[in-house]
Amino acid sequence: MALSRAKPEELPKDAVVITEDQALKYQWKIITSWDKLSDVWSLRYGPGILSAMAAGTGAYINNHYRTKLRLGSHGRLSSYIPIVAIPAIFTMLSHKFMIQRPILLNPLGECPVCIQVRSAAFQTGLGIVYPTILAPFAAFMFATRCYTYRMPSITENPREVFQLWRKLTKPIVPALGTIICVQALITMYLTGQEDKQNFKMMLRMKEIEHDVETNQISESFDF
C-alpha cells in the first residue's frame, strides 16, 4: 500500500491513519525488501557513502597534522575517535534524519535544490570543516604533552601558535578546497537520486495498488 499525506477532512472513510515514525518504518521496510537494488540503491547506501567520505577526510586531515608534529603513535586512538569516527557517525545520522526523513515522509514537499544544498552543507560542515578545526588543536595538545615538537605557549605566544597553524595548514588548503567541491557535488548527486528514486518507488506502489484494486473489481463482476 502506498502512503499519502492529507488533511483530516480530506481522508477517506476507510483510511488508516499512522504516525510519522510508523510511516517512516513502513517506508524503510519497503526499501529494504525492494526486489531491484538499482531502483533504491541511493536510499540504502547513500548515508553509508557519505559517512565513509567524512571518515576518509577526517583521517587525511588528522594524519597531516600528526605527521608534521612527529606524533607517531602518541594519542592515535584519542585523536581518531573525535576527528574520524564522530564526524562519520554524525554525517550519517544528520543525513538520515535531516535529509532522508523529509524525502520519505513528504515527497515533493520541498524544492529538490533546497534539499540538495542543505545536504551538501551538512556534509561539508560535519565531514570537512569540523575535523579541519579540531585536528590541529588535538595535534598541538599531544605534541605539547609528548614533547614531539617544540610548541610555543598558547597563553604567552598566541601569535606564534597561529603562525604555526597557518604554516602547517597552508600546504593542504588546495586539497581541502578540492575535497569540499567534490564532496558537495557527490552529496548533491546522491540526494537528488534519493529524491528521484523515492518518487519513482511511490509511483510504482500506486500502480501496484491500482492494479490490485482493478483485479478485485473485475473478479467481483465475474462472480
N, C-alpha and C. Protein backbone atom coordinates (compact mmCIF):
# COMPACT_ATOMS: atom_id res chain seq x y z
N MET A 1 0.85 -1.19 0.00
CA MET A 1 0.00 0.00 0.00
C MET A 1 0.88 1.24 0.00
N ALA A 2 0.58 2.19 -0.89
CA ALA A 2 1.33 3.43 -0.98
C ALA A 2 0.86 4.41 0.09
N LEU A 3 1.81 5.12 0.69
CA LEU A 3 1.47 6.11 1.69
C LEU A 3 1.14 7.44 1.03
N SER A 4 0.26 8.19 1.65
CA SER A 4 -0.07 9.52 1.16
C SER A 4 -0.38 10.42 2.34
N ARG A 5 -0.11 11.71 2.16
CA ARG A 5 -0.35 12.70 3.21
C ARG A 5 -1.57 13.53 2.83
N ALA A 6 -2.48 13.74 3.80
CA ALA A 6 -3.70 14.50 3.52
C ALA A 6 -4.20 15.16 4.79
N LYS A 7 -5.02 16.18 4.62
CA LYS A 7 -5.65 16.85 5.75
C LYS A 7 -6.76 15.96 6.32
N PRO A 8 -7.09 16.12 7.60
CA PRO A 8 -8.11 15.26 8.21
C PRO A 8 -9.44 15.26 7.46
N GLU A 9 -9.85 16.43 6.96
CA GLU A 9 -11.14 16.50 6.26
C GLU A 9 -11.08 15.86 4.87
N GLU A 10 -9.87 15.59 4.37
CA GLU A 10 -9.73 15.00 3.04
C GLU A 10 -9.55 13.49 3.09
N LEU A 11 -9.47 12.93 4.28
CA LEU A 11 -9.23 11.49 4.40
C LEU A 11 -10.48 10.69 4.03
N PRO A 12 -10.32 9.60 3.27
CA PRO A 12 -11.47 8.72 3.01
C PRO A 12 -11.88 7.97 4.28
N LYS A 13 -13.08 7.43 4.27
CA LYS A 13 -13.61 6.78 5.48
C LYS A 13 -12.79 5.56 5.89
N ASP A 14 -12.26 4.83 4.90
CA ASP A 14 -11.53 3.60 5.21
C ASP A 14 -10.02 3.83 5.34
N ALA A 15 -9.60 5.10 5.48
CA ALA A 15 -8.16 5.40 5.57
C ALA A 15 -7.59 4.92 6.89
N VAL A 16 -6.35 4.46 6.84
CA VAL A 16 -5.62 4.02 8.04
C VAL A 16 -4.65 5.13 8.41
N VAL A 17 -4.86 5.75 9.55
CA VAL A 17 -4.03 6.86 10.00
C VAL A 17 -2.89 6.32 10.86
N ILE A 18 -1.65 6.70 10.52
CA ILE A 18 -0.48 6.26 11.27
C ILE A 18 0.40 7.47 11.58
N THR A 19 1.30 7.29 12.54
CA THR A 19 2.21 8.37 12.92
C THR A 19 3.36 8.46 11.91
N GLU A 20 4.13 9.55 12.02
CA GLU A 20 5.27 9.71 11.11
C GLU A 20 6.32 8.64 11.33
N ASP A 21 6.54 8.26 12.59
CA ASP A 21 7.53 7.21 12.87
C ASP A 21 7.08 5.88 12.27
N GLN A 22 5.79 5.58 12.37
CA GLN A 22 5.27 4.35 11.77
C GLN A 22 5.38 4.39 10.25
N ALA A 23 5.10 5.57 9.68
CA ALA A 23 5.20 5.72 8.23
C ALA A 23 6.64 5.56 7.77
N LEU A 24 7.58 6.12 8.53
CA LEU A 24 8.99 6.01 8.17
C LEU A 24 9.46 4.56 8.27
N LYS A 25 9.03 3.87 9.30
CA LYS A 25 9.38 2.46 9.46
C LYS A 25 8.82 1.63 8.31
N TYR A 26 7.60 1.95 7.90
CA TYR A 26 6.97 1.24 6.79
C TYR A 26 7.73 1.50 5.48
N GLN A 27 8.14 2.75 5.27
CA GLN A 27 8.89 3.09 4.06
C GLN A 27 10.22 2.35 4.01
N TRP A 28 10.92 2.28 5.15
CA TRP A 28 12.20 1.57 5.17
C TRP A 28 12.01 0.07 4.97
N LYS A 29 10.91 -0.46 5.43
CA LYS A 29 10.63 -1.87 5.21
C LYS A 29 10.46 -2.15 3.72
N ILE A 30 9.81 -1.24 3.02
CA ILE A 30 9.64 -1.39 1.57
C ILE A 30 10.99 -1.27 0.86
N ILE A 31 11.79 -0.28 1.28
CA ILE A 31 13.08 -0.05 0.62
C ILE A 31 14.00 -1.25 0.78
N THR A 32 14.08 -1.79 2.00
CA THR A 32 14.99 -2.91 2.25
C THR A 32 14.53 -4.20 1.57
N SER A 33 13.23 -4.32 1.29
CA SER A 33 12.72 -5.53 0.65
C SER A 33 12.44 -5.34 -0.84
N TRP A 34 12.78 -4.19 -1.39
CA TRP A 34 12.54 -3.92 -2.81
C TRP A 34 13.38 -4.87 -3.65
N ASP A 35 12.76 -5.45 -4.69
CA ASP A 35 13.43 -6.51 -5.43
C ASP A 35 14.58 -6.01 -6.30
N LYS A 36 14.46 -4.82 -6.88
CA LYS A 36 15.51 -4.28 -7.74
C LYS A 36 16.37 -3.29 -6.96
N LEU A 37 17.62 -3.68 -6.73
CA LEU A 37 18.52 -2.81 -5.98
C LEU A 37 18.80 -1.52 -6.74
N SER A 38 18.81 -1.59 -8.07
CA SER A 38 19.09 -0.40 -8.88
C SER A 38 18.03 0.68 -8.70
N ASP A 39 16.85 0.31 -8.21
CA ASP A 39 15.77 1.29 -8.02
C ASP A 39 15.91 2.05 -6.70
N VAL A 40 16.64 1.49 -5.73
CA VAL A 40 16.69 2.09 -4.39
C VAL A 40 18.11 2.17 -3.82
N TRP A 41 19.12 2.02 -4.66
CA TRP A 41 20.49 1.93 -4.15
C TRP A 41 20.90 3.19 -3.38
N SER A 42 20.48 4.36 -3.85
CA SER A 42 20.88 5.60 -3.16
C SER A 42 20.24 5.71 -1.78
N LEU A 43 19.01 5.24 -1.65
CA LEU A 43 18.34 5.28 -0.36
C LEU A 43 18.98 4.31 0.63
N ARG A 44 19.42 3.17 0.14
CA ARG A 44 20.05 2.18 1.02
C ARG A 44 21.47 2.57 1.41
N TYR A 45 22.25 2.98 0.43
CA TYR A 45 23.68 3.14 0.66
C TYR A 45 24.16 4.59 0.70
N GLY A 46 23.27 5.55 0.41
CA GLY A 46 23.68 6.95 0.41
C GLY A 46 24.30 7.40 1.72
N PRO A 47 23.65 7.20 2.87
CA PRO A 47 24.25 7.62 4.15
C PRO A 47 25.59 6.96 4.43
N GLY A 48 25.73 5.69 4.07
CA GLY A 48 26.99 4.99 4.28
C GLY A 48 28.12 5.57 3.43
N ILE A 49 27.80 5.91 2.18
CA ILE A 49 28.80 6.51 1.29
C ILE A 49 29.26 7.86 1.84
N LEU A 50 28.31 8.68 2.27
CA LEU A 50 28.66 10.00 2.82
C LEU A 50 29.46 9.86 4.11
N SER A 51 29.10 8.89 4.93
CA SER A 51 29.83 8.64 6.17
C SER A 51 31.27 8.22 5.88
N ALA A 52 31.45 7.36 4.88
CA ALA A 52 32.80 6.91 4.51
C ALA A 52 33.64 8.08 3.99
N MET A 53 33.02 8.99 3.23
CA MET A 53 33.76 10.16 2.74
C MET A 53 34.19 11.05 3.90
N ALA A 54 33.31 11.23 4.88
CA ALA A 54 33.66 12.04 6.04
C ALA A 54 34.79 11.41 6.84
N ALA A 55 34.73 10.08 6.99
CA ALA A 55 35.79 9.38 7.73
C ALA A 55 37.12 9.50 6.99
N GLY A 56 37.11 9.34 5.67
CA GLY A 56 38.33 9.45 4.89
C GLY A 56 38.95 10.83 4.97
N THR A 57 38.09 11.86 4.93
CA THR A 57 38.59 13.23 5.03
C THR A 57 39.18 13.49 6.41
N GLY A 58 38.48 13.03 7.45
CA GLY A 58 38.99 13.21 8.81
C GLY A 58 40.33 12.52 9.01
N ALA A 59 40.48 11.32 8.46
CA ALA A 59 41.74 10.59 8.58
C ALA A 59 42.87 11.32 7.85
N TYR A 60 42.55 11.85 6.67
CA TYR A 60 43.56 12.59 5.90
C TYR A 60 44.04 13.83 6.66
N ILE A 61 43.11 14.60 7.18
CA ILE A 61 43.47 15.83 7.89
C ILE A 61 44.23 15.50 9.17
N ASN A 62 43.75 14.50 9.91
CA ASN A 62 44.40 14.12 11.16
C ASN A 62 45.83 13.63 10.92
N ASN A 63 46.00 12.79 9.89
CA ASN A 63 47.34 12.27 9.58
C ASN A 63 48.30 13.38 9.16
N HIS A 64 47.77 14.39 8.48
CA HIS A 64 48.63 15.50 8.05
C HIS A 64 49.25 16.21 9.25
N TYR A 65 48.43 16.60 10.21
CA TYR A 65 48.95 17.33 11.37
C TYR A 65 49.80 16.42 12.27
N ARG A 66 49.40 15.17 12.40
CA ARG A 66 50.18 14.25 13.23
C ARG A 66 51.56 14.01 12.63
N THR A 67 51.63 13.93 11.30
CA THR A 67 52.92 13.72 10.64
C THR A 67 53.81 14.95 10.78
N LYS A 68 53.23 16.12 10.59
CA LYS A 68 54.00 17.36 10.70
C LYS A 68 54.55 17.56 12.11
N LEU A 69 53.82 17.13 13.11
CA LEU A 69 54.24 17.32 14.51
C LEU A 69 54.94 16.09 15.08
N ARG A 70 55.23 15.10 14.22
CA ARG A 70 56.01 13.91 14.58
C ARG A 70 55.39 13.15 15.76
N LEU A 71 54.10 12.99 15.72
CA LEU A 71 53.43 12.34 16.85
C LEU A 71 53.58 10.82 16.83
N GLY A 72 53.80 10.24 15.68
CA GLY A 72 53.94 8.79 15.63
C GLY A 72 52.68 8.10 16.12
N SER A 73 52.85 7.25 17.13
CA SER A 73 51.69 6.52 17.68
C SER A 73 51.11 7.20 18.92
N HIS A 74 51.66 8.34 19.32
CA HIS A 74 51.19 9.03 20.52
C HIS A 74 49.76 9.55 20.30
N GLY A 75 48.86 9.12 21.17
CA GLY A 75 47.49 9.62 21.13
C GLY A 75 46.74 9.32 19.85
N ARG A 76 47.13 8.26 19.17
CA ARG A 76 46.49 7.94 17.88
C ARG A 76 45.00 7.69 18.05
N LEU A 77 44.64 6.78 18.95
CA LEU A 77 43.23 6.45 19.15
C LEU A 77 42.46 7.65 19.69
N SER A 78 43.07 8.39 20.60
CA SER A 78 42.39 9.54 21.20
C SER A 78 42.09 10.63 20.19
N SER A 79 42.88 10.71 19.14
CA SER A 79 42.62 11.72 18.11
C SER A 79 41.71 11.18 17.01
N TYR A 80 41.77 9.88 16.74
CA TYR A 80 40.96 9.32 15.67
C TYR A 80 39.48 9.27 16.04
N ILE A 81 39.17 9.06 17.30
CA ILE A 81 37.75 8.97 17.69
C ILE A 81 37.02 10.29 17.44
N PRO A 82 37.50 11.44 17.94
CA PRO A 82 36.75 12.68 17.69
C PRO A 82 36.90 13.24 16.29
N ILE A 83 37.99 12.92 15.59
CA ILE A 83 38.25 13.55 14.30
C ILE A 83 37.83 12.68 13.12
N VAL A 84 37.78 11.37 13.32
CA VAL A 84 37.40 10.46 12.23
C VAL A 84 36.06 9.77 12.51
N ALA A 85 35.94 9.15 13.67
CA ALA A 85 34.74 8.36 13.96
C ALA A 85 33.51 9.24 14.18
N ILE A 86 33.63 10.26 15.01
CA ILE A 86 32.47 11.10 15.33
C ILE A 86 31.92 11.84 14.11
N PRO A 87 32.76 12.48 13.27
CA PRO A 87 32.21 13.10 12.06
C PRO A 87 31.51 12.11 11.15
N ALA A 88 32.05 10.90 11.05
CA ALA A 88 31.41 9.89 10.20
C ALA A 88 30.03 9.52 10.73
N ILE A 89 29.93 9.33 12.04
CA ILE A 89 28.65 8.96 12.65
C ILE A 89 27.65 10.10 12.53
N PHE A 90 28.09 11.31 12.86
CA PHE A 90 27.19 12.47 12.79
C PHE A 90 26.74 12.76 11.36
N THR A 91 27.63 12.55 10.40
CA THR A 91 27.26 12.76 9.00
C THR A 91 26.16 11.80 8.59
N MET A 92 26.29 10.53 8.97
CA MET A 92 25.27 9.55 8.64
C MET A 92 23.94 9.87 9.31
N LEU A 93 23.99 10.19 10.61
CA LEU A 93 22.75 10.47 11.34
C LEU A 93 22.06 11.73 10.83
N SER A 94 22.84 12.77 10.56
CA SER A 94 22.23 14.01 10.07
C SER A 94 21.59 13.81 8.71
N HIS A 95 22.20 12.98 7.87
CA HIS A 95 21.61 12.73 6.55
C HIS A 95 20.33 11.92 6.68
N LYS A 96 20.35 10.94 7.56
CA LYS A 96 19.16 10.11 7.74
C LYS A 96 17.98 10.91 8.30
N PHE A 97 18.26 11.74 9.31
CA PHE A 97 17.16 12.43 9.99
C PHE A 97 16.80 13.77 9.36
N MET A 98 17.78 14.48 8.80
CA MET A 98 17.51 15.81 8.26
C MET A 98 17.28 15.83 6.75
N ILE A 99 17.68 14.77 6.06
CA ILE A 99 17.53 14.74 4.60
C ILE A 99 16.59 13.62 4.17
N GLN A 100 16.94 12.37 4.53
CA GLN A 100 16.12 11.25 4.07
C GLN A 100 14.73 11.24 4.69
N ARG A 101 14.62 11.60 5.95
CA ARG A 101 13.30 11.59 6.60
C ARG A 101 12.30 12.50 5.88
N PRO A 102 12.63 13.78 5.59
CA PRO A 102 11.67 14.60 4.83
C PRO A 102 11.39 14.05 3.44
N ILE A 103 12.42 13.48 2.79
CA ILE A 103 12.21 12.94 1.45
C ILE A 103 11.21 11.79 1.48
N LEU A 104 11.34 10.91 2.46
CA LEU A 104 10.48 9.72 2.52
C LEU A 104 9.08 10.06 3.02
N LEU A 105 8.97 10.99 3.95
CA LEU A 105 7.66 11.29 4.54
C LEU A 105 6.86 12.32 3.77
N ASN A 106 7.55 13.19 3.07
CA ASN A 106 6.83 14.26 2.35
C ASN A 106 7.46 14.49 0.98
N PRO A 107 7.28 13.53 0.07
CA PRO A 107 7.84 13.70 -1.28
C PRO A 107 7.28 14.96 -1.95
N LEU A 108 8.16 15.67 -2.62
CA LEU A 108 7.80 16.90 -3.32
C LEU A 108 7.32 18.01 -2.37
N GLY A 109 7.55 17.85 -1.07
CA GLY A 109 7.15 18.87 -0.12
C GLY A 109 8.12 20.03 -0.06
N GLU A 110 9.29 19.85 -0.64
CA GLU A 110 10.31 20.89 -0.65
C GLU A 110 11.03 20.86 -1.97
N CYS A 111 11.54 22.00 -2.43
CA CYS A 111 12.21 22.04 -3.73
C CYS A 111 13.46 21.15 -3.67
N PRO A 112 13.69 20.34 -4.73
CA PRO A 112 14.83 19.42 -4.72
C PRO A 112 16.18 20.11 -4.52
N VAL A 113 16.35 21.30 -5.11
CA VAL A 113 17.62 22.00 -4.99
C VAL A 113 17.87 22.42 -3.53
N CYS A 114 16.80 22.83 -2.82
CA CYS A 114 16.95 23.20 -1.41
C CYS A 114 17.42 22.02 -0.58
N ILE A 115 16.86 20.85 -0.84
CA ILE A 115 17.26 19.65 -0.12
C ILE A 115 18.71 19.30 -0.43
N GLN A 116 19.09 19.41 -1.70
CA GLN A 116 20.46 19.08 -2.10
C GLN A 116 21.47 20.04 -1.46
N VAL A 117 21.15 21.31 -1.44
CA VAL A 117 22.06 22.30 -0.84
C VAL A 117 22.18 22.07 0.66
N ARG A 118 21.06 21.78 1.33
CA ARG A 118 21.10 21.51 2.77
C ARG A 118 21.93 20.26 3.06
N SER A 119 21.78 19.24 2.23
CA SER A 119 22.55 18.02 2.40
C SER A 119 24.04 18.28 2.22
N ALA A 120 24.40 19.07 1.20
CA ALA A 120 25.81 19.40 0.97
C ALA A 120 26.37 20.22 2.13
N ALA A 121 25.55 21.09 2.72
CA ALA A 121 26.00 21.91 3.85
C ALA A 121 26.31 21.02 5.06
N PHE A 122 25.44 20.05 5.34
CA PHE A 122 25.70 19.13 6.45
C PHE A 122 26.98 18.34 6.19
N GLN A 123 27.15 17.87 4.95
CA GLN A 123 28.30 17.05 4.62
C GLN A 123 29.60 17.82 4.76
N THR A 124 29.66 19.01 4.20
CA THR A 124 30.90 19.79 4.27
C THR A 124 31.16 20.31 5.69
N GLY A 125 30.09 20.64 6.40
CA GLY A 125 30.26 21.16 7.76
C GLY A 125 30.75 20.09 8.72
N LEU A 126 30.06 18.93 8.71
CA LEU A 126 30.41 17.87 9.66
C LEU A 126 31.58 17.01 9.18
N GLY A 127 31.68 16.83 7.87
CA GLY A 127 32.69 15.92 7.34
C GLY A 127 34.00 16.57 6.97
N ILE A 128 34.04 17.91 6.86
CA ILE A 128 35.28 18.58 6.45
C ILE A 128 35.65 19.71 7.41
N VAL A 129 34.74 20.66 7.61
CA VAL A 129 35.06 21.83 8.43
C VAL A 129 35.34 21.42 9.88
N TYR A 130 34.49 20.56 10.43
CA TYR A 130 34.67 20.14 11.84
C TYR A 130 36.03 19.48 12.08
N PRO A 131 36.42 18.44 11.30
CA PRO A 131 37.75 17.86 11.56
C PRO A 131 38.89 18.81 11.23
N THR A 132 38.68 19.74 10.29
CA THR A 132 39.73 20.71 9.97
C THR A 132 40.00 21.64 11.14
N ILE A 133 38.96 21.97 11.89
CA ILE A 133 39.12 22.83 13.07
C ILE A 133 39.69 22.05 14.25
N LEU A 134 39.19 20.83 14.44
CA LEU A 134 39.57 20.07 15.63
C LEU A 134 40.95 19.43 15.52
N ALA A 135 41.34 18.97 14.34
CA ALA A 135 42.59 18.22 14.18
C ALA A 135 43.83 18.98 14.64
N PRO A 136 44.02 20.24 14.24
CA PRO A 136 45.23 20.93 14.72
C PRO A 136 45.25 21.14 16.23
N PHE A 137 44.10 21.40 16.84
CA PHE A 137 44.06 21.55 18.30
C PHE A 137 44.49 20.27 18.99
N ALA A 138 43.98 19.13 18.50
CA ALA A 138 44.35 17.84 19.09
C ALA A 138 45.82 17.55 18.89
N ALA A 139 46.32 17.83 17.67
CA ALA A 139 47.74 17.57 17.40
C ALA A 139 48.65 18.48 18.24
N PHE A 140 48.28 19.73 18.39
CA PHE A 140 49.08 20.65 19.22
C PHE A 140 49.11 20.17 20.67
N MET A 141 47.97 19.71 21.15
CA MET A 141 47.88 19.26 22.54
C MET A 141 48.78 18.05 22.78
N PHE A 142 48.74 17.07 21.86
CA PHE A 142 49.56 15.87 22.04
C PHE A 142 51.03 16.18 21.82
N ALA A 143 51.34 17.10 20.92
CA ALA A 143 52.75 17.47 20.69
C ALA A 143 53.33 18.14 21.93
N THR A 144 52.52 18.97 22.59
CA THR A 144 52.98 19.62 23.82
C THR A 144 53.14 18.60 24.95
N ARG A 145 52.18 17.69 25.04
CA ARG A 145 52.21 16.71 26.13
C ARG A 145 53.33 15.69 25.95
N CYS A 146 53.59 15.27 24.72
CA CYS A 146 54.55 14.20 24.47
C CYS A 146 55.92 14.71 24.03
N TYR A 147 56.08 16.04 23.92
CA TYR A 147 57.36 16.66 23.58
C TYR A 147 57.91 16.16 22.23
N THR A 148 57.03 16.05 21.24
CA THR A 148 57.49 15.61 19.92
C THR A 148 57.80 16.79 19.00
N TYR A 149 57.39 17.98 19.40
CA TYR A 149 57.61 19.17 18.58
C TYR A 149 57.70 20.38 19.52
N ARG A 150 58.60 21.28 19.20
CA ARG A 150 58.76 22.46 20.05
C ARG A 150 57.60 23.42 19.80
N MET A 151 56.63 23.40 20.71
CA MET A 151 55.42 24.20 20.56
C MET A 151 55.51 25.49 21.36
N PRO A 152 55.15 26.63 20.78
CA PRO A 152 55.07 27.88 21.55
C PRO A 152 53.89 27.84 22.51
N SER A 153 53.97 28.58 23.57
CA SER A 153 52.90 28.60 24.56
C SER A 153 51.71 29.38 24.01
N ILE A 154 50.53 28.76 24.10
CA ILE A 154 49.34 29.43 23.57
C ILE A 154 48.91 30.61 24.44
N THR A 155 49.29 30.57 25.72
CA THR A 155 48.93 31.68 26.62
C THR A 155 49.94 32.83 26.53
N GLU A 156 51.22 32.49 26.34
CA GLU A 156 52.25 33.52 26.29
C GLU A 156 52.51 34.03 24.87
N ASN A 157 52.40 33.13 23.89
CA ASN A 157 52.68 33.50 22.49
C ASN A 157 51.58 32.99 21.55
N PRO A 158 50.38 33.48 21.70
CA PRO A 158 49.29 33.01 20.83
C PRO A 158 49.54 33.34 19.36
N ARG A 159 50.26 34.44 19.10
CA ARG A 159 50.56 34.81 17.73
C ARG A 159 51.45 33.77 17.05
N GLU A 160 52.42 33.25 17.78
CA GLU A 160 53.29 32.21 17.23
C GLU A 160 52.53 30.92 16.98
N VAL A 161 51.59 30.61 17.88
CA VAL A 161 50.76 29.41 17.68
C VAL A 161 49.94 29.55 16.41
N PHE A 162 49.38 30.74 16.20
CA PHE A 162 48.60 30.97 14.99
C PHE A 162 49.46 30.87 13.74
N GLN A 163 50.68 31.42 13.81
CA GLN A 163 51.57 31.34 12.66
C GLN A 163 51.97 29.90 12.36
N LEU A 164 52.16 29.10 13.41
CA LEU A 164 52.48 27.69 13.22
C LEU A 164 51.30 26.96 12.58
N TRP A 165 50.10 27.26 13.07
CA TRP A 165 48.91 26.65 12.47
C TRP A 165 48.79 27.01 10.99
N ARG A 166 49.02 28.27 10.67
CA ARG A 166 48.93 28.71 9.27
C ARG A 166 50.00 28.04 8.42
N LYS A 167 51.20 27.88 8.98
CA LYS A 167 52.29 27.24 8.27
C LYS A 167 51.97 25.77 7.97
N LEU A 168 51.39 25.07 8.95
CA LEU A 168 51.07 23.65 8.77
C LEU A 168 49.84 23.44 7.88
N THR A 169 48.94 24.39 7.91
CA THR A 169 47.69 24.23 7.18
C THR A 169 47.80 24.64 5.72
N LYS A 170 48.67 25.59 5.41
CA LYS A 170 48.78 26.12 4.05
C LYS A 170 48.99 25.05 2.99
N PRO A 171 49.83 24.01 3.22
CA PRO A 171 50.06 23.01 2.16
C PRO A 171 48.81 22.22 1.77
N ILE A 172 47.85 22.08 2.68
CA ILE A 172 46.68 21.25 2.36
C ILE A 172 45.45 22.08 1.99
N VAL A 173 45.59 23.41 1.93
CA VAL A 173 44.45 24.25 1.57
C VAL A 173 43.91 23.91 0.18
N PRO A 174 44.76 23.76 -0.86
CA PRO A 174 44.22 23.37 -2.17
C PRO A 174 43.50 22.03 -2.14
N ALA A 175 44.08 21.08 -1.41
CA ALA A 175 43.44 19.76 -1.31
C ALA A 175 42.10 19.85 -0.60
N LEU A 176 42.03 20.65 0.46
CA LEU A 176 40.77 20.82 1.19
C LEU A 176 39.71 21.48 0.31
N GLY A 177 40.13 22.47 -0.48
CA GLY A 177 39.19 23.10 -1.40
C GLY A 177 38.63 22.12 -2.41
N THR A 178 39.51 21.25 -2.92
CA THR A 178 39.07 20.22 -3.87
C THR A 178 38.14 19.23 -3.20
N ILE A 179 38.48 18.83 -1.98
CA ILE A 179 37.64 17.88 -1.24
C ILE A 179 36.26 18.46 -0.99
N ILE A 180 36.20 19.74 -0.61
CA ILE A 180 34.90 20.37 -0.36
C ILE A 180 34.04 20.35 -1.62
N CYS A 181 34.63 20.73 -2.75
CA CYS A 181 33.87 20.76 -4.01
C CYS A 181 33.41 19.36 -4.41
N VAL A 182 34.32 18.39 -4.33
CA VAL A 182 33.98 17.02 -4.75
C VAL A 182 32.89 16.42 -3.85
N GLN A 183 33.07 16.58 -2.54
CA GLN A 183 32.09 16.01 -1.63
C GLN A 183 30.73 16.71 -1.76
N ALA A 184 30.74 18.02 -1.97
CA ALA A 184 29.47 18.73 -2.15
C ALA A 184 28.75 18.24 -3.39
N LEU A 185 29.48 18.05 -4.49
CA LEU A 185 28.86 17.58 -5.73
C LEU A 185 28.34 16.15 -5.58
N ILE A 186 29.13 15.28 -4.95
CA ILE A 186 28.69 13.89 -4.75
C ILE A 186 27.47 13.85 -3.85
N THR A 187 27.48 14.65 -2.79
CA THR A 187 26.35 14.69 -1.86
C THR A 187 25.08 15.18 -2.55
N MET A 188 25.20 16.22 -3.35
CA MET A 188 24.03 16.73 -4.07
C MET A 188 23.51 15.72 -5.07
N TYR A 189 24.43 15.00 -5.73
CA TYR A 189 24.01 13.96 -6.67
C TYR A 189 23.27 12.83 -5.96
N LEU A 190 23.85 12.35 -4.85
CA LEU A 190 23.21 11.26 -4.10
C LEU A 190 21.84 11.69 -3.56
N THR A 191 21.75 12.91 -3.05
CA THR A 191 20.48 13.40 -2.53
C THR A 191 19.44 13.52 -3.63
N GLY A 192 19.88 13.99 -4.80
CA GLY A 192 18.96 14.05 -5.94
C GLY A 192 18.48 12.67 -6.35
N GLN A 193 19.38 11.69 -6.32
CA GLN A 193 18.98 10.32 -6.65
C GLN A 193 18.01 9.75 -5.61
N GLU A 194 18.24 10.06 -4.34
CA GLU A 194 17.33 9.60 -3.30
C GLU A 194 15.92 10.16 -3.53
N ASP A 195 15.84 11.44 -3.82
CA ASP A 195 14.55 12.07 -4.07
C ASP A 195 13.88 11.46 -5.30
N LYS A 196 14.66 11.27 -6.35
CA LYS A 196 14.14 10.72 -7.60
C LYS A 196 13.68 9.27 -7.44
N GLN A 197 14.51 8.47 -6.78
CA GLN A 197 14.17 7.05 -6.62
C GLN A 197 13.01 6.85 -5.67
N ASN A 198 12.92 7.69 -4.64
CA ASN A 198 11.76 7.60 -3.74
C ASN A 198 10.47 7.94 -4.47
N PHE A 199 10.50 8.96 -5.32
CA PHE A 199 9.32 9.35 -6.09
C PHE A 199 8.91 8.24 -7.05
N LYS A 200 9.89 7.63 -7.73
CA LYS A 200 9.58 6.54 -8.66
C LYS A 200 9.02 5.33 -7.90
N MET A 201 9.57 5.07 -6.72
CA MET A 201 9.07 3.96 -5.91
C MET A 201 7.63 4.21 -5.48
N MET A 202 7.33 5.45 -5.11
CA MET A 202 5.97 5.81 -4.72
C MET A 202 5.00 5.63 -5.88
N LEU A 203 5.40 6.04 -7.09
CA LEU A 203 4.55 5.87 -8.27
C LEU A 203 4.32 4.39 -8.56
N ARG A 204 5.40 3.60 -8.42
CA ARG A 204 5.27 2.16 -8.66
C ARG A 204 4.33 1.52 -7.66
N MET A 205 4.39 1.94 -6.40
CA MET A 205 3.49 1.41 -5.38
C MET A 205 2.04 1.77 -5.70
N LYS A 206 1.80 2.97 -6.19
CA LYS A 206 0.44 3.36 -6.57
C LYS A 206 -0.05 2.56 -7.77
N GLU A 207 0.84 2.27 -8.70
CA GLU A 207 0.45 1.44 -9.85
C GLU A 207 0.07 0.03 -9.40
N ILE A 208 0.88 -0.53 -8.50
CA ILE A 208 0.57 -1.87 -7.99
C ILE A 208 -0.76 -1.87 -7.25
N GLU A 209 -0.97 -0.84 -6.43
CA GLU A 209 -2.23 -0.73 -5.69
C GLU A 209 -3.42 -0.60 -6.63
N HIS A 210 -3.24 0.20 -7.70
CA HIS A 210 -4.32 0.37 -8.67
C HIS A 210 -4.61 -0.93 -9.41
N ASP A 211 -3.56 -1.67 -9.77
CA ASP A 211 -3.76 -2.96 -10.46
C ASP A 211 -4.50 -3.95 -9.58
N VAL A 212 -4.13 -3.99 -8.29
CA VAL A 212 -4.81 -4.90 -7.36
C VAL A 212 -6.28 -4.55 -7.23
N GLU A 213 -6.59 -3.26 -7.09
CA GLU A 213 -7.98 -2.83 -6.96
C GLU A 213 -8.77 -3.13 -8.23
N THR A 214 -8.13 -2.94 -9.39
CA THR A 214 -8.80 -3.23 -10.67
C THR A 214 -9.11 -4.71 -10.80
N ASN A 215 -8.15 -5.56 -10.42
CA ASN A 215 -8.37 -7.00 -10.49
C ASN A 215 -9.48 -7.45 -9.54
N GLN A 216 -9.52 -6.85 -8.36
CA GLN A 216 -10.57 -7.21 -7.40
C GLN A 216 -11.95 -6.83 -7.92
N ILE A 217 -12.03 -5.66 -8.57
CA ILE A 217 -13.32 -5.23 -9.12
C ILE A 217 -13.76 -6.14 -10.25
N SER A 218 -12.80 -6.47 -11.13
CA SER A 218 -13.14 -7.36 -12.26
C SER A 218 -13.54 -8.75 -11.78
N GLU A 219 -12.89 -9.26 -10.73
CA GLU A 219 -13.24 -10.57 -10.19
C GLU A 219 -14.64 -10.54 -9.56
N SER A 220 -14.99 -9.44 -8.93
CA SER A 220 -16.32 -9.35 -8.33
C SER A 220 -17.40 -9.32 -9.40
N PHE A 221 -17.13 -8.66 -10.53
CA PHE A 221 -18.10 -8.65 -11.62
C PHE A 221 -18.21 -10.03 -12.29
N ASP A 222 -17.07 -10.72 -12.40
CA ASP A 222 -17.08 -12.06 -12.98
C ASP A 222 -17.90 -13.01 -12.11
N PHE A 223 -17.81 -12.83 -10.83
CA PHE A 223 -18.57 -13.70 -9.92
C PHE A 223 -20.08 -13.47 -10.09
